[in-house]
C-alpha atoms as a PDB file:
ATOM      1  CA  MET A   1       5.384 -22.287   0.984  1.00  0.00           C
ATOM      2  CA  ASN A   2       5.242 -21.988  -3.157  1.00  0.00           C
ATOM      3  CA  ILE A   3       1.518 -22.046  -2.831  1.00  0.00           C
ATOM      4  CA  LEU A   4       1.812 -18.813  -0.629  1.00  0.00           C
ATOM      5  CA  ARG A   5       4.058 -17.553  -2.948  1.00  0.00           C
ATOM      6  CA  LEU A   6       2.184 -17.304  -5.522  1.00  0.00           C
ATOM      7  CA  ILE A   7      -2.184 -16.290  -4.110  1.00  0.00           C
ATOM      8  CA  VAL A   8       0.347 -13.028  -2.286  1.00  0.00           C
ATOM      9  CA  ALA A   9       1.794 -12.612  -6.031  1.00  0.00           C
ATOM     10  CA  GLU A  10      -1.894 -13.091  -7.534  1.00  0.00           C
ATOM     11  CA  PHE A  11      -3.652 -10.989  -4.622  1.00  0.00           C
ATOM     12  CA  ILE A  12      -1.055  -7.798  -5.328  1.00  0.00           C
ATOM     13  CA  GLY A  13      -1.503  -8.016  -9.052  1.00  0.00           C
ATOM     14  CA  MET A  14      -4.765  -7.504  -8.852  1.00  0.00           C
ATOM     15  CA  PHE A  15      -4.130  -4.716  -7.516  1.00  0.00           C
ATOM     16  CA  ILE A  16      -0.489  -3.655  -9.824  1.00  0.00           C
ATOM     17  CA  ASP A  17      -1.359  -4.656 -12.525  1.00  0.00           C
ATOM     18  CA  ASP A  18      -0.920  -1.370 -14.964  1.00  0.00           C
ATOM     19  CA  GLU A  19       1.955   0.821 -12.576  1.00  0.00           C
ATOM     20  CA  PHE A  20       0.542   3.724 -14.635  1.00  0.00           C
ATOM     21  CA  LEU A  21      -3.122   3.767 -13.658  1.00  0.00           C
ATOM     22  CA  ALA A  22      -2.319   3.005 -10.188  1.00  0.00           C
ATOM     23  CA  ILE A  23      -0.563   5.629  -9.955  1.00  0.00           C
ATOM     24  CA  ALA A  24      -1.691   8.076 -11.709  1.00  0.00           C
ATOM     25  CA  VAL A  25      -4.272   7.597  -9.466  1.00  0.00           C
ATOM     26  CA  LEU A  26      -3.113   8.249  -6.816  1.00  0.00           C
ATOM     27  CA  VAL A  27      -1.150  11.864  -8.362  1.00  0.00           C
ATOM     28  CA  VAL A  28      -5.381  12.461  -8.495  1.00  0.00           C
ATOM     29  CA  VAL A  29      -6.471  11.400  -5.022  1.00  0.00           C
ATOM     30  CA  GLY A  30      -3.538  13.543  -4.123  1.00  0.00           C
ATOM     31  CA  ILE A  31      -4.250  16.491  -6.194  1.00  0.00           C
ATOM     32  CA  ALA A  32      -7.642  17.268  -4.680  1.00  0.00           C
ATOM     33  CA  ALA A  33      -6.711  16.430  -0.830  1.00  0.00           C
ATOM     34  CA  ALA A  34      -4.322  19.541  -1.711  1.00  0.00           C
ATOM     35  CA  LEU A  35      -7.112  21.189  -2.975  1.00  0.00           C
ATOM     36  CA  THR A  36      -8.748  20.492   0.398  1.00  0.00           C
ATOM     37  CA  TYR A  37      -6.353  21.356   2.946  1.00  0.00           C
ATOM     38  CA  ALA A  38      -4.041  24.146   1.287  1.00  0.00           C
ATOM     39  CA  PHE A  39      -6.166  26.222  -0.804  1.00  0.00           C
ATOM     40  CA  HIS A  40     -10.339  24.824   1.410  1.00  0.00           C
ATOM     41  CA  ALA A  41     -11.863  23.764  -1.660  1.00  0.00           C
ATOM     42  CA  THR A  42     -16.058  23.351  -2.183  1.00  0.00           C
ATOM     43  CA  ALA A  43     -16.728  19.567  -1.762  1.00  0.00           C
ATOM     44  CA  PHE A  44     -17.947  20.061  -5.269  1.00  0.00           C
ATOM     45  CA  ILE A  45     -15.193  20.930  -6.368  1.00  0.00           C
ATOM     46  CA  VAL A  46     -12.351  18.309  -5.060  1.00  0.00           C
ATOM     47  CA  GLY A  47     -14.970  15.324  -6.112  1.00  0.00           C
ATOM     48  CA  THR A  48     -15.538  17.838 -10.358  1.00  0.00           C
ATOM     49  CA  VAL A  49     -11.398  17.193  -9.816  1.00  0.00           C
ATOM     50  CA  LEU A  50     -11.920  13.603  -8.186  1.00  0.00           C
ATOM     51  CA  LEU A  51     -14.733  12.814 -11.044  1.00  0.00           C
ATOM     52  CA  LEU A  52     -12.437  14.410 -14.478  1.00  0.00           C
ATOM     53  CA  GLY A  53      -9.296  13.353 -13.103  1.00  0.00           C
ATOM     54  CA  CYS A  54     -10.792   9.500 -12.400  1.00  0.00           C
ATOM     55  CA  ILE A  55     -11.745   9.821 -16.274  1.00  0.00           C
ATOM     56  CA  ALA A  56      -8.632  11.788 -17.806  1.00  0.00           C
ATOM     57  CA  VAL A  57      -6.525   8.816 -15.759  1.00  0.00           C
ATOM     58  CA  LEU A  58      -8.564   5.475 -16.959  1.00  0.00           C
ATOM     59  CA  VAL A  59      -8.778   7.619 -20.696  1.00  0.00           C
ATOM     60  CA  ALA A  60      -4.795   7.205 -21.354  1.00  0.00           C
ATOM     61  CA  SER A  61      -4.182   4.231 -19.790  1.00  0.00           C
ATOM     62  CA  ALA A  62      -6.709   3.203 -22.712  1.00  0.00           C
ATOM     63  CA  VAL A  63      -4.770   5.339 -25.197  1.00  0.00           C
ATOM     64  CA  ARG A  64      -1.662   3.726 -23.708  1.00  0.00           C
ATOM     65  CA  GLY A  65      -3.179   0.138 -23.808  1.00  0.00           C
ATOM     66  CA  ILE A  66      -4.652   0.289 -27.185  1.00  0.00           C
ATOM     67  CA  ARG A  67      -1.039   1.222 -28.704  1.00  0.00           C
ATOM     68  CA  ARG A  68       0.631  -1.108 -26.544  1.00  0.00           C
ATOM     69  CA  GLY A  69      -1.551  -4.005 -27.820  1.00  0.00           C
END
């Protein structure tokens, strides 16, 4: 049973190692979804928001990691 718990913990840890990164990406996707459904934005605008938002989140996460380490 301990082996199964360890495997599940490692599997979850692969995807949720950095809580800030996971939550920030979900926020970016939520903003893109809101633009799509509430404001009927074009695919180009939504794609641009996703691209720039994810790049910004990645840079912010890297800066946080550098400051911590």
